[in-house]
Amino acid sequence: AQQQNPINQSTSILLELDYLTTKTNLTGDVGIISVDQPQLTEEELSDKNGEVFEFGKLIPVDIDFINQASKMDVVNGTVYRLAIQSDGAKALSMYYNELDIPFGGKLLLYNTDQTQIAGPFTHNHTHHTGVYATELIYDDITVLEYFHPNYQALEPQIKINNIAYAYK
């Protein structure tokens, strides 16, 4: 069977949210990438799946955050933002196959009402393998926001290859 791409790029849904990584008081629209929810069996949805307590499923994706995010120039740098949504998720977590944040850059993840904020993730969090995962954000939409300072010539690499879809 042909593997279908679970990503539907959607620019029609926009969220109006405050920017959190910049001291400038800004609100702006965030474009959303919609990821199809995984197929779940009755057994997975019930609590009777043996000793292993599964709370979620990984959805393979190919998201190049820096290239797909909307960009806004601010006084001292550039802010990138992108929201990732999967209908019905109790929480979402991002798995990166490339996470390279240069010095001065910072990545935040948050829910749509901005009551849960993860980060800032900085160059101190990057591993030489580039592999990383960020904590579950309790919402079916996670907003990623990255600030890149003007003085930094090195480009960030933020690539997501899996999303953990929490259904419990």
Protein backbone atom coordinates (compact mmCIF):
# COMPACT_ATOMS: atom_id res chain seq x y z
CA ALA A 1 0.00 0.00 0.00
CA GLN A 2 1.17 3.50 -0.76
CA GLN A 3 2.12 5.50 2.34
CA GLN A 4 0.12 8.70 2.35
CA ASN A 5 1.59 11.93 3.65
CA PRO A 6 -0.12 12.80 6.95
CA ILE A 7 0.60 16.52 6.57
CA ASN A 8 -1.94 18.92 5.14
CA GLN A 9 -0.43 22.37 4.83
CA SER A 10 -3.14 24.77 5.79
CA THR A 11 -2.76 28.51 5.71
CA SER A 12 -6.44 29.32 6.04
CA ILE A 13 -6.48 28.75 9.78
CA LEU A 14 -4.62 31.50 11.58
CA LEU A 15 -4.21 32.11 15.28
CA GLU A 16 -3.78 35.62 16.62
CA LEU A 17 -1.20 35.25 19.41
CA ASP A 18 1.31 37.33 21.33
CA TYR A 19 4.97 36.89 20.46
CA LEU A 20 6.84 35.59 23.50
CA THR A 21 10.51 35.60 22.42
CA THR A 22 10.78 39.30 21.72
CA LYS A 23 10.54 42.23 24.12
CA THR A 24 8.59 44.13 21.47
CA ASN A 25 4.90 43.85 22.29
CA LEU A 26 3.56 42.10 19.21
CA THR A 27 0.62 40.00 18.25
CA GLY A 28 0.34 38.33 14.90
CA ASP A 29 -1.12 35.48 12.95
CA VAL A 30 0.41 32.01 13.07
CA GLY A 31 0.02 29.63 10.15
CA ILE A 32 -0.95 26.07 11.03
CA ILE A 33 0.25 22.76 9.62
CA SER A 34 -2.46 20.19 10.14
CA VAL A 35 -1.33 16.59 10.71
CA ASP A 36 -3.83 13.75 10.34
CA GLN A 37 -4.58 12.02 13.61
CA PRO A 38 -3.30 8.44 13.82
CA GLN A 39 -5.59 5.45 13.40
CA LEU A 40 -6.36 4.15 16.87
CA THR A 41 -7.82 0.74 17.67
CA GLU A 42 -10.47 0.12 20.32
CA GLU A 43 -7.81 -1.75 22.27
CA GLU A 44 -5.47 1.24 22.26
CA LEU A 45 -8.26 3.54 23.40
CA SER A 46 -9.28 1.21 26.25
CA ASP A 47 -7.10 0.84 29.32
CA LYS A 48 -6.70 -2.93 28.85
CA ASN A 49 -3.55 -3.11 26.73
CA GLY A 50 -1.39 -5.24 28.99
CA GLU A 51 1.50 -4.07 31.13
CA VAL A 52 2.61 -1.40 28.68
CA PHE A 53 0.74 1.80 29.28
CA GLU A 54 0.71 3.54 25.95
CA PHE A 55 -0.44 7.11 26.02
CA GLY A 56 0.30 8.12 22.46
CA LYS A 57 1.42 7.27 18.96
CA LEU A 58 4.20 8.66 16.83
CA ILE A 59 3.16 10.27 13.55
CA PRO A 60 6.01 10.47 11.02
CA VAL A 61 6.30 13.95 9.51
CA ASP A 62 8.85 15.98 7.61
CA ILE A 63 8.67 19.57 8.85
CA ASP A 64 11.51 22.00 8.21
CA PHE A 65 10.52 24.63 10.73
CA ILE A 66 12.81 27.44 9.55
CA ASN A 67 11.66 27.09 5.93
CA GLN A 68 7.97 26.59 6.69
CA ALA A 69 7.49 29.09 9.52
CA SER A 70 6.30 32.65 9.07
CA LYS A 71 9.06 35.19 9.70
CA MET A 72 8.88 38.60 11.31
CA ASP A 73 11.77 41.01 11.62
CA VAL A 74 12.04 42.74 14.98
CA VAL A 75 14.55 45.35 16.19
CA ASN A 76 17.25 42.89 17.26
CA GLY A 77 16.52 39.83 15.15
CA THR A 78 13.97 37.66 13.39
CA VAL A 79 11.12 35.68 14.92
CA TYR A 80 9.88 32.48 13.25
CA ARG A 81 6.53 30.96 14.18
CA LEU A 82 4.54 27.93 13.14
CA ALA A 83 1.69 26.00 14.72
CA ILE A 84 1.24 22.25 14.39
CA GLN A 85 -2.21 20.78 14.92
CA SER A 86 -3.63 17.30 15.13
CA ASP A 87 -7.36 17.13 15.85
CA GLY A 88 -8.39 15.40 19.04
CA ALA A 89 -4.93 15.16 20.59
CA LYS A 90 -4.80 15.56 24.36
CA ALA A 91 -1.19 16.69 23.95
CA LEU A 92 1.54 16.86 21.30
CA SER A 93 5.30 16.44 21.55
CA MET A 94 7.86 17.21 18.85
CA TYR A 95 10.70 14.85 17.94
CA TYR A 96 13.58 16.44 16.05
CA ASN A 97 15.99 14.70 13.72
CA GLU A 98 17.89 17.97 13.46
CA LEU A 99 18.01 20.58 16.20
CA ASP A 100 20.87 23.00 15.89
CA ILE A 101 20.30 26.31 17.63
CA PRO A 102 23.18 28.76 17.27
CA PHE A 103 24.33 30.90 20.21
CA GLY A 104 21.76 33.60 21.01
CA GLY A 105 18.85 31.76 19.41
CA LYS A 106 15.95 30.52 21.50
CA LEU A 107 13.04 28.21 20.81
CA LEU A 108 9.78 28.21 22.76
CA LEU A 109 6.80 25.87 22.42
CA TYR A 110 3.41 26.72 23.84
CA ASN A 111 -0.30 26.00 23.79
CA THR A 112 -2.80 28.37 22.19
CA ASP A 113 -3.79 30.15 25.40
CA GLN A 114 -0.08 30.47 26.32
CA THR A 115 -0.60 28.97 29.79
CA GLN A 116 1.97 26.22 29.15
CA ILE A 117 5.33 27.36 27.83
CA ALA A 118 8.26 24.99 27.23
CA GLY A 119 11.74 26.40 26.86
CA PRO A 120 13.58 28.47 26.01
CA PHE A 121 15.66 25.83 24.25
CA THR A 122 19.06 27.25 23.31
CA HIS A 123 22.41 26.10 21.90
CA ASN A 124 22.96 24.45 25.32
CA HIS A 125 20.19 21.95 24.52
CA THR A 126 21.53 20.82 21.18
CA HIS A 127 23.21 17.44 20.95
CA HIS A 128 25.89 16.60 18.37
CA THR A 129 23.54 13.99 16.85
CA GLY A 130 20.85 16.65 16.31
CA VAL A 131 18.29 14.30 17.86
CA TYR A 132 16.02 15.84 20.50
CA ALA A 133 12.47 15.78 21.80
CA THR A 134 10.51 18.47 23.58
CA GLU A 135 7.94 17.93 26.31
CA LEU A 136 4.23 17.34 25.76
CA ILE A 137 2.19 20.49 25.22
CA TYR A 138 -1.36 19.90 26.45
CA ASP A 139 -3.46 21.10 23.52
CA ASP A 140 -4.22 19.75 20.05
CA ILE A 141 -2.20 22.69 18.69
CA THR A 142 1.42 23.41 19.59
CA VAL A 143 2.98 26.72 18.58
CA LEU A 144 6.73 26.79 17.93
CA GLU A 145 8.40 30.19 18.14
CA TYR A 146 12.08 30.79 17.47
CA PHE A 147 14.05 34.00 17.94
CA HIS A 148 17.22 34.46 15.88
CA PRO A 149 19.46 37.44 16.80
CA ASN A 150 20.79 39.79 14.09
CA TYR A 151 24.42 39.28 15.17
CA GLN A 152 24.30 35.49 14.56
CA ALA A 153 25.45 34.50 11.06
CA LEU A 154 24.96 30.75 11.63
CA GLU A 155 21.59 29.47 10.44
CA PRO A 156 19.45 27.39 12.81
CA GLN A 157 18.36 23.88 11.78
CA ILE A 158 15.06 22.81 13.31
CA LYS A 159 13.63 19.74 11.60
CA ILE A 160 10.81 17.62 13.02
CA ASN A 161 10.53 13.98 11.92
CA ASN A 162 7.91 12.69 14.38
CA ILE A 163 5.06 14.05 16.41
CA ALA A 164 3.88 12.20 19.49
CA TYR A 165 0.09 12.30 19.51
CA ALA A 166 -1.13 11.73 23.08
CA TYR A 167 -4.60 10.21 23.18
CA LYS A 168 -4.70 9.41 26.91
